[in-house]
Amino acid sequence: MERKDKITELVKSLLPAHERGKNLVIDTCPFCGEKNVMAFSPDKEVAKCFRCGMSVTLLGLVMKVKNCTRQEAEEYINKNL
């Protein structure tokens, strides 16, 4: 399995999301709560909300969703990739 496929599965395990083309659309933005406004690019490992403007890396997204420190998020990502 390619890294980007593993990243896609990791994001889907954290947040409800569906694929649209090469990207994922996250059902609800964890920052502003709006529906279907956040896109995640597995290639770039970046999420962007088109409502609140928040842009985060995979690491930042894991930190927000899991409410954890940077070190804990890095461990979670490494364990799940």
PDB file of N, CA and C in Angstrom:
ATOM      1  N   MET A   1       0.846  -1.177   0.000  1.00  0.00           N
ATOM      2  CA  MET A   1       0.000   0.000   0.000  1.00  0.00           C
ATOM      3  C   MET A   1       0.896   1.247   0.000  1.00  0.00           C
ATOM      4  N   GLU A   2       0.592   2.204  -0.843  1.00  0.00           N
ATOM      5  CA  GLU A   2       1.369   3.428  -0.920  1.00  0.00           C
ATOM      6  C   GLU A   2       1.123   4.308   0.293  1.00  0.00           C
ATOM      7  N   ARG A   3       2.082   5.187   0.564  1.00  0.00           N
ATOM      8  CA  ARG A   3       1.975   6.087   1.719  1.00  0.00           C
ATOM      9  C   ARG A   3       0.696   6.927   1.651  1.00  0.00           C
ATOM     10  N   LYS A   4       0.378   7.474   0.466  1.00  0.00           N
ATOM     11  CA  LYS A   4      -0.804   8.333   0.392  1.00  0.00           C
ATOM     12  C   LYS A   4      -2.091   7.550   0.637  1.00  0.00           C
ATOM     13  N   ASP A   5      -2.117   6.271   0.276  1.00  0.00           N
ATOM     14  CA  ASP A   5      -3.277   5.435   0.574  1.00  0.00           C
ATOM     15  C   ASP A   5      -3.401   5.210   2.078  1.00  0.00           C
ATOM     16  N   LYS A   6      -2.262   4.999   2.730  1.00  0.00           N
ATOM     17  CA  LYS A   6      -2.265   4.829   4.189  1.00  0.00           C
ATOM     18  C   LYS A   6      -2.705   6.113   4.883  1.00  0.00           C
ATOM     19  N   ILE A   7      -2.262   7.245   4.352  1.00  0.00           N
ATOM     20  CA  ILE A   7      -2.661   8.531   4.934  1.00  0.00           C
ATOM     21  C   ILE A   7      -4.161   8.737   4.767  1.00  0.00           C
ATOM     22  N   THR A   8      -4.685   8.390   3.599  1.00  0.00           N
ATOM     23  CA  THR A   8      -6.128   8.494   3.366  1.00  0.00           C
ATOM     24  C   THR A   8      -6.895   7.665   4.386  1.00  0.00           C
ATOM     25  N   GLU A   9      -6.464   6.440   4.614  1.00  0.00           N
ATOM     26  CA  GLU A   9      -7.133   5.575   5.591  1.00  0.00           C
ATOM     27  C   GLU A   9      -7.003   6.132   7.007  1.00  0.00           C
ATOM     28  N   LEU A  10      -5.856   6.706   7.318  1.00  0.00           N
ATOM     29  CA  LEU A  10      -5.649   7.301   8.644  1.00  0.00           C
ATOM     30  C   LEU A  10      -6.626   8.454   8.872  1.00  0.00           C
ATOM     31  N   VAL A  11      -6.748   9.347   7.892  1.00  0.00           N
ATOM     32  CA  VAL A  11      -7.666  10.485   8.026  1.00  0.00           C
ATOM     33  C   VAL A  11      -9.108   9.995   8.143  1.00  0.00           C
ATOM     34  N   LYS A  12      -9.468   9.001   7.326  1.00  0.00           N
ATOM     35  CA  LYS A  12     -10.828   8.447   7.401  1.00  0.00           C
ATOM     36  C   LYS A  12     -11.111   7.784   8.746  1.00  0.00           C
ATOM     37  N   SER A  13     -10.068   7.273   9.400  1.00  0.00           N
ATOM     38  CA  SER A  13     -10.276   6.653  10.714  1.00  0.00           C
ATOM     39  C   SER A  13     -10.460   7.725  11.795  1.00  0.00           C
ATOM     40  N   LEU A  14      -9.973   8.928  11.539  1.00  0.00           N
ATOM     41  CA  LEU A  14     -10.106  10.025  12.502  1.00  0.00           C
ATOM     42  C   LEU A  14     -11.405  10.796  12.340  1.00  0.00           C
ATOM     43  N   LEU A  15     -11.781  11.028  11.089  1.00  0.00           N
ATOM     44  CA  LEU A  15     -12.937  11.874  10.781  1.00  0.00           C
ATOM     45  C   LEU A  15     -13.755  11.260   9.654  1.00  0.00           C
ATOM     46  N   PRO A  16     -15.071  11.398   9.710  1.00  0.00           N
ATOM     47  CA  PRO A  16     -15.873  10.954   8.572  1.00  0.00           C
ATOM     48  C   PRO A  16     -15.488  11.768   7.333  1.00  0.00           C
ATOM     49  N   ALA A  17     -15.164  11.080   6.255  1.00  0.00           N
ATOM     50  CA  ALA A  17     -14.733  11.751   5.028  1.00  0.00           C
ATOM     51  C   ALA A  17     -15.055  10.867   3.831  1.00  0.00           C
ATOM     52  N   HIS A  18     -15.132  11.506   2.680  1.00  0.00           N
ATOM     53  CA  HIS A  18     -15.345  10.754   1.443  1.00  0.00           C
ATOM     54  C   HIS A  18     -14.392  11.281   0.376  1.00  0.00           C
ATOM     55  N   GLU A  19     -14.075  10.406  -0.554  1.00  0.00           N
ATOM     56  CA  GLU A  19     -13.122  10.760  -1.600  1.00  0.00           C
ATOM     57  C   GLU A  19     -13.812  11.523  -2.715  1.00  0.00           C
ATOM     58  N   ARG A  20     -13.099  12.547  -3.181  1.00  0.00           N
ATOM     59  CA  ARG A  20     -13.550  13.308  -4.347  1.00  0.00           C
ATOM     60  C   ARG A  20     -12.311  13.576  -5.188  1.00  0.00           C
ATOM     61  N   GLY A  21     -12.186  12.843  -6.259  1.00  0.00           N
ATOM     62  CA  GLY A  21     -10.977  12.932  -7.077  1.00  0.00           C
ATOM     63  C   GLY A  21      -9.789  12.398  -6.298  1.00  0.00           C
ATOM     64  N   LYS A  22      -8.689  13.151  -6.287  1.00  0.00           N
ATOM     65  CA  LYS A  22      -7.494  12.725  -5.553  1.00  0.00           C
ATOM     66  C   LYS A  22      -7.549  13.129  -4.090  1.00  0.00           C
ATOM     67  N   ASN A  23      -8.509  13.964  -3.711  1.00  0.00           N
ATOM     68  CA  ASN A  23      -8.580  14.491  -2.352  1.00  0.00           C
ATOM     69  C   ASN A  23      -9.713  13.865  -1.552  1.00  0.00           C
ATOM     70  N   LEU A  24      -9.702  14.166  -0.268  1.00  0.00           N
ATOM     71  CA  LEU A  24     -10.795  13.783   0.619  1.00  0.00           C
ATOM     72  C   LEU A  24     -11.584  15.027   0.974  1.00  0.00           C
ATOM     73  N   VAL A  25     -12.884  14.890   1.139  1.00  0.00           N
ATOM     74  CA  VAL A  25     -13.710  15.950   1.697  1.00  0.00           C
ATOM     75  C   VAL A  25     -14.102  15.478   3.086  1.00  0.00           C
ATOM     76  N   ILE A  26     -13.664  16.223   4.086  1.00  0.00           N
ATOM     77  CA  ILE A  26     -13.979  15.877   5.473  1.00  0.00           C
ATOM     78  C   ILE A  26     -15.385  16.379   5.753  1.00  0.00           C
ATOM     79  N   ASP A  27     -16.240  15.492   6.275  1.00  0.00           N
ATOM     80  CA  ASP A  27     -17.657  15.802   6.433  1.00  0.00           C
ATOM     81  C   ASP A  27     -17.911  17.028   7.307  1.00  0.00           C
ATOM     82  N   THR A  28     -17.152  17.188   8.391  1.00  0.00           N
ATOM     83  CA  THR A  28     -17.323  18.341   9.278  1.00  0.00           C
ATOM     84  C   THR A  28     -15.957  18.873   9.675  1.00  0.00           C
ATOM     85  N   CYS A  29     -15.738  20.150   9.472  1.00  0.00           N
ATOM     86  CA  CYS A  29     -14.468  20.770   9.846  1.00  0.00           C
ATOM     87  C   CYS A  29     -14.317  20.730  11.368  1.00  0.00           C
ATOM     88  N   PRO A  30     -13.209  20.184  11.892  1.00  0.00           N
ATOM     89  CA  PRO A  30     -13.033  20.121  13.339  1.00  0.00           C
ATOM     90  C   PRO A  30     -12.743  21.488  13.977  1.00  0.00           C
ATOM     91  N   PHE A  31     -12.534  22.506  13.156  1.00  0.00           N
ATOM     92  CA  PHE A  31     -12.227  23.839  13.674  1.00  0.00           C
ATOM     93  C   PHE A  31     -13.466  24.727  13.752  1.00  0.00           C
ATOM     94  N   CYS A  32     -14.279  24.744  12.676  1.00  0.00           N
ATOM     95  CA  CYS A  32     -15.451  25.635  12.673  1.00  0.00           C
ATOM     96  C   CYS A  32     -16.791  24.889  12.733  1.00  0.00           C
ATOM     97  N   GLY A  33     -16.777  23.582  12.500  1.00  0.00           N
ATOM     98  CA  GLY A  33     -18.002  22.795  12.594  1.00  0.00           C
ATOM     99  C   GLY A  33     -18.871  22.801  11.347  1.00  0.00           C
ATOM    100  N   GLU A  34     -18.459  23.506  10.307  1.00  0.00           N
ATOM    101  CA  GLU A  34     -19.246  23.539   9.070  1.00  0.00           C
ATOM    102  C   GLU A  34     -19.119  22.208   8.321  1.00  0.00           C
ATOM    103  N   LYS A  35     -20.121  21.888   7.561  1.00  0.00           N
ATOM    104  CA  LYS A  35     -20.162  20.623   6.830  1.00  0.00           C
ATOM    105  C   LYS A  35     -19.605  20.768   5.411  1.00  0.00           C
ATOM    106  N   ASN A  36     -18.856  19.745   4.987  1.00  0.00           N
ATOM    107  CA  ASN A  36     -18.348  19.604   3.620  1.00  0.00           C
ATOM    108  C   ASN A  36     -17.587  20.824   3.097  1.00  0.00           C
ATOM    109  N   VAL A  37     -16.798  21.451   3.968  1.00  0.00           N
ATOM    110  CA  VAL A  37     -16.015  22.609   3.536  1.00  0.00           C
ATOM    111  C   VAL A  37     -14.513  22.383   3.690  1.00  0.00           C
ATOM    112  N   MET A  38     -14.104  21.243   4.256  1.00  0.00           N
ATOM    113  CA  MET A  38     -12.685  20.975   4.468  1.00  0.00           C
ATOM    114  C   MET A  38     -12.213  19.905   3.501  1.00  0.00           C
ATOM    115  N   ALA A  39     -11.142  20.214   2.798  1.00  0.00           N
ATOM    116  CA  ALA A  39     -10.532  19.261   1.870  1.00  0.00           C
ATOM    117  C   ALA A  39      -9.181  18.834   2.422  1.00  0.00           C
ATOM    118  N   PHE A  40      -8.832  17.574   2.188  1.00  0.00           N
ATOM    119  CA  PHE A  40      -7.534  17.056   2.614  1.00  0.00           C
ATOM    120  C   PHE A  40      -6.840  16.453   1.406  1.00  0.00           C
ATOM    121  N   SER A  41      -5.595  16.853   1.187  1.00  0.00           N
ATOM    122  CA  SER A  41      -4.797  16.328   0.080  1.00  0.00           C
ATOM    123  C   SER A  41      -3.802  15.300   0.614  1.00  0.00           C
ATOM    124  N   PRO A  42      -3.986  14.011   0.296  1.00  0.00           N
ATOM    125  CA  PRO A  42      -3.030  12.995   0.742  1.00  0.00           C
ATOM    126  C   PRO A  42      -1.642  13.200   0.134  1.00  0.00           C
ATOM    127  N   ASP A  43      -1.576  13.763  -1.066  1.00  0.00           N
ATOM    128  CA  ASP A  43      -0.283  14.007  -1.712  1.00  0.00           C
ATOM    129  C   ASP A  43       0.527  15.062  -0.965  1.00  0.00           C
ATOM    130  N   LYS A  44      -0.135  16.137  -0.553  1.00  0.00           N
ATOM    131  CA  LYS A  44       0.541  17.243   0.136  1.00  0.00           C
ATOM    132  C   LYS A  44       0.500  17.101   1.658  1.00  0.00           C
ATOM    133  N   GLU A  45      -0.364  16.210   2.153  1.00  0.00           N
ATOM    134  CA  GLU A  45      -0.570  15.993   3.592  1.00  0.00           C
ATOM    135  C   GLU A  45      -1.016  17.275   4.284  1.00  0.00           C
ATOM    136  N   VAL A  46      -1.959  17.973   3.632  1.00  0.00           N
ATOM    137  CA  VAL A  46      -2.471  19.245   4.138  1.00  0.00           C
ATOM    138  C   VAL A  46      -3.991  19.254   4.034  1.00  0.00           C
ATOM    139  N   ALA A  47      -4.632  19.828   5.069  1.00  0.00           N
ATOM    140  CA  ALA A  47      -6.081  20.021   5.061  1.00  0.00           C
ATOM    141  C   ALA A  47      -6.367  21.514   5.037  1.00  0.00           C
ATOM    142  N   LYS A  48      -7.425  21.907   4.334  1.00  0.00           N
ATOM    143  CA  LYS A  48      -7.804  23.316   4.226  1.00  0.00           C
ATOM    144  C   LYS A  48      -9.307  23.431   4.323  1.00  0.00           C
ATOM    145  N   CYS A  49      -9.761  24.305   5.237  1.00  0.00           N
ATOM    146  CA  CYS A  49     -11.191  24.588   5.345  1.00  0.00           C
ATOM    147  C   CYS A  49     -11.480  25.846   4.531  1.00  0.00           C
ATOM    148  N   PHE A  50     -12.454  25.754   3.647  1.00  0.00           N
ATOM    149  CA  PHE A  50     -12.786  26.878   2.797  1.00  0.00           C
ATOM    150  C   PHE A  50     -13.818  27.789   3.441  1.00  0.00           C
ATOM    151  N   ARG A  51     -14.232  27.490   4.653  1.00  0.00           N
ATOM    152  CA  ARG A  51     -15.152  28.353   5.399  1.00  0.00           C
ATOM    153  C   ARG A  51     -14.389  29.228   6.384  1.00  0.00           C
ATOM    154  N   CYS A  52     -13.644  28.591   7.305  1.00  0.00           N
ATOM    155  CA  CYS A  52     -12.932  29.358   8.337  1.00  0.00           C
ATOM    156  C   CYS A  52     -11.505  29.714   7.928  1.00  0.00           C
ATOM    157  N   GLY A  53     -11.013  29.091   6.850  1.00  0.00           N
ATOM    158  CA  GLY A  53      -9.685  29.412   6.351  1.00  0.00           C
ATOM    159  C   GLY A  53      -8.550  28.648   7.016  1.00  0.00           C
ATOM    160  N   MET A  54      -8.855  27.777   7.955  1.00  0.00           N
ATOM    161  CA  MET A  54      -7.813  27.030   8.653  1.00  0.00           C
ATOM    162  C   MET A  54      -7.127  26.069   7.695  1.00  0.00           C
ATOM    163  N   SER A  55      -5.814  26.072   7.751  1.00  0.00           N
ATOM    164  CA  SER A  55      -5.004  25.176   6.942  1.00  0.00           C
ATOM    165  C   SER A  55      -4.020  24.486   7.874  1.00  0.00           C
ATOM    166  N   VAL A  56      -4.007  23.156   7.865  1.00  0.00           N
ATOM    167  CA  VAL A  56      -3.144  22.407   8.775  1.00  0.00           C
ATOM    168  C   VAL A  56      -2.513  21.222   8.060  1.00  0.00           C
ATOM    169  N   THR A  57      -1.380  20.806   8.586  1.00  0.00           N
ATOM    170  CA  THR A  57      -0.721  19.602   8.106  1.00  0.00           C
ATOM    171  C   THR A  57      -1.416  18.384   8.712  1.00  0.00           C
ATOM    172  N   LEU A  58      -1.006  17.220   8.277  1.00  0.00           N
ATOM    173  CA  LEU A  58      -1.526  15.985   8.861  1.00  0.00           C
ATOM    174  C   LEU A  58      -1.274  15.970  10.364  1.00  0.00           C
ATOM    175  N   LEU A  59      -0.096  16.397  10.768  1.00  0.00           N
ATOM    176  CA  LEU A  59       0.250  16.438  12.183  1.00  0.00           C
ATOM    177  C   LEU A  59      -0.708  17.345  12.958  1.00  0.00           C
ATOM    178  N   GLY A  60      -0.964  18.531  12.442  1.00  0.00           N
ATOM    179  CA  GLY A  60      -1.876  19.463  13.102  1.00  0.00           C
ATOM    180  C   GLY A  60      -3.293  18.938  13.172  1.00  0.00           C
ATOM    181  N   LEU A  61      -3.711  18.239  12.125  1.00  0.00           N
ATOM    182  CA  LEU A  61      -5.057  17.664  12.112  1.00  0.00           C
ATOM    183  C   LEU A  61      -5.188  16.589  13.187  1.00  0.00           C
ATOM    184  N   VAL A  62      -4.188  15.729  13.300  1.00  0.00           N
ATOM    185  CA  VAL A  62      -4.205  14.684  14.333  1.00  0.00           C
ATOM    186  C   VAL A  62      -4.196  15.329  15.722  1.00  0.00           C
ATOM    187  N   MET A  63      -3.385  16.362  15.913  1.00  0.00           N
ATOM    188  CA  MET A  63      -3.336  17.040  17.212  1.00  0.00           C
ATOM    189  C   MET A  63      -4.699  17.604  17.590  1.00  0.00           C
ATOM    190  N   LYS A  64      -5.409  18.210  16.628  1.00  0.00           N
ATOM    191  CA  LYS A  64      -6.721  18.799  16.901  1.00  0.00           C
ATOM    192  C   LYS A  64      -7.759  17.727  17.206  1.00  0.00           C
ATOM    193  N   VAL A  65      -7.830  16.714  16.354  1.00  0.00           N
ATOM    194  CA  VAL A  65      -8.872  15.690  16.501  1.00  0.00           C
ATOM    195  C   VAL A  65      -8.653  14.835  17.750  1.00  0.00           C
ATOM    196  N   LYS A  66      -7.399  14.457  18.000  1.00  0.00           N
ATOM    197  CA  LYS A  66      -7.088  13.593  19.151  1.00  0.00           C
ATOM    198  C   LYS A  66      -6.850  14.403  20.429  1.00  0.00           C
ATOM    199  N   ASN A  67      -6.796  15.749  20.301  1.00  0.00           N
ATOM    200  CA  ASN A  67      -6.539  16.629  21.443  1.00  0.00           C
ATOM    201  C   ASN A  67      -5.276  16.174  22.177  1.00  0.00           C
ATOM    202  N   CYS A  68      -4.174  16.120  21.440  1.00  0.00           N
ATOM    203  CA  CYS A  68      -2.928  15.602  21.996  1.00  0.00           C
ATOM    204  C   CYS A  68      -1.754  16.521  21.671  1.00  0.00           C
ATOM    205  N   THR A  69      -0.627  16.223  22.270  1.00  0.00           N
ATOM    206  CA  THR A  69       0.584  17.003  22.030  1.00  0.00           C
ATOM    207  C   THR A  69       1.196  16.617  20.692  1.00  0.00           C
ATOM    208  N   ARG A  70       2.186  17.394  20.280  1.00  0.00           N
ATOM    209  CA  ARG A  70       2.886  17.110  19.029  1.00  0.00           C
ATOM    210  C   ARG A  70       3.544  15.739  19.077  1.00  0.00           C
ATOM    211  N   GLN A  71       4.193  15.427  20.188  1.00  0.00           N
ATOM    212  CA  GLN A  71       4.875  14.142  20.324  1.00  0.00           C
ATOM    213  C   GLN A  71       3.875  12.988  20.249  1.00  0.00           C
ATOM    214  N   GLU A  72       2.752  13.132  20.929  1.00  0.00           N
ATOM    215  CA  GLU A  72       1.729  12.076  20.893  1.00  0.00           C
ATOM    216  C   GLU A  72       1.173  11.906  19.478  1.00  0.00           C
ATOM    217  N   ALA A  73       0.985  13.020  18.771  1.00  0.00           N
ATOM    218  CA  ALA A  73       0.478  12.959  17.398  1.00  0.00           C
ATOM    219  C   ALA A  73       1.490  12.282  16.475  1.00  0.00           C
ATOM    220  N   GLU A  74       2.767  12.610  16.640  1.00  0.00           N
ATOM    221  CA  GLU A  74       3.813  11.969  15.829  1.00  0.00           C
ATOM    222  C   GLU A  74       3.846  10.468  16.077  1.00  0.00           C
ATOM    223  N   GLU A  75       3.730  10.080  17.337  1.00  0.00           N
ATOM    224  CA  GLU A  75       3.714   8.651  17.673  1.00  0.00           C
ATOM    225  C   GLU A  75       2.497   7.972  17.049  1.00  0.00           C
ATOM    226  N   TYR A  76       1.353   8.615  17.115  1.00  0.00           N
ATOM    227  CA  TYR A  76       0.116   8.060  16.544  1.00  0.00           C
ATOM    228  C   TYR A  76       0.268   7.870  15.034  1.00  0.00           C
ATOM    229  N   ILE A  77       0.798   8.879  14.355  1.00  0.00           N
ATOM    230  CA  ILE A  77       0.982   8.792  12.905  1.00  0.00           C
ATOM    231  C   ILE A  77       1.965   7.678  12.559  1.00  0.00           C
ATOM    232  N   ASN A  78       3.102   7.651  13.239  1.00  0.00           N
ATOM    233  CA  ASN A  78       4.114   6.625  12.952  1.00  0.00           C
ATOM    234  C   ASN A  78       3.582   5.218  13.204  1.00  0.00           C
ATOM    235  N   LYS A  79       2.793   5.056  14.233  1.00  0.00           N
ATOM    236  CA  LYS A  79       2.217   3.759  14.556  1.00  0.00           C
ATOM    237  C   LYS A  79       1.197   3.311  13.502  1.00  0.00           C
ATOM    238  N   ASN A  80       0.478   4.273  12.935  1.00  0.00           N
ATOM    239  CA  ASN A  80      -0.614   3.940  12.013  1.00  0.00           C
ATOM    240  C   ASN A  80      -0.254   4.022  10.536  1.00  0.00           C
ATOM    241  N   LEU A  81       0.965   4.388  10.213  1.00  0.00           N
ATOM    242  CA  LEU A  81       1.346   4.433   8.785  1.00  0.00           C
ATOM    243  C   LEU A  81       2.186   3.244   8.416  1.00  0.00           C
TER     244      LEU A  81
END
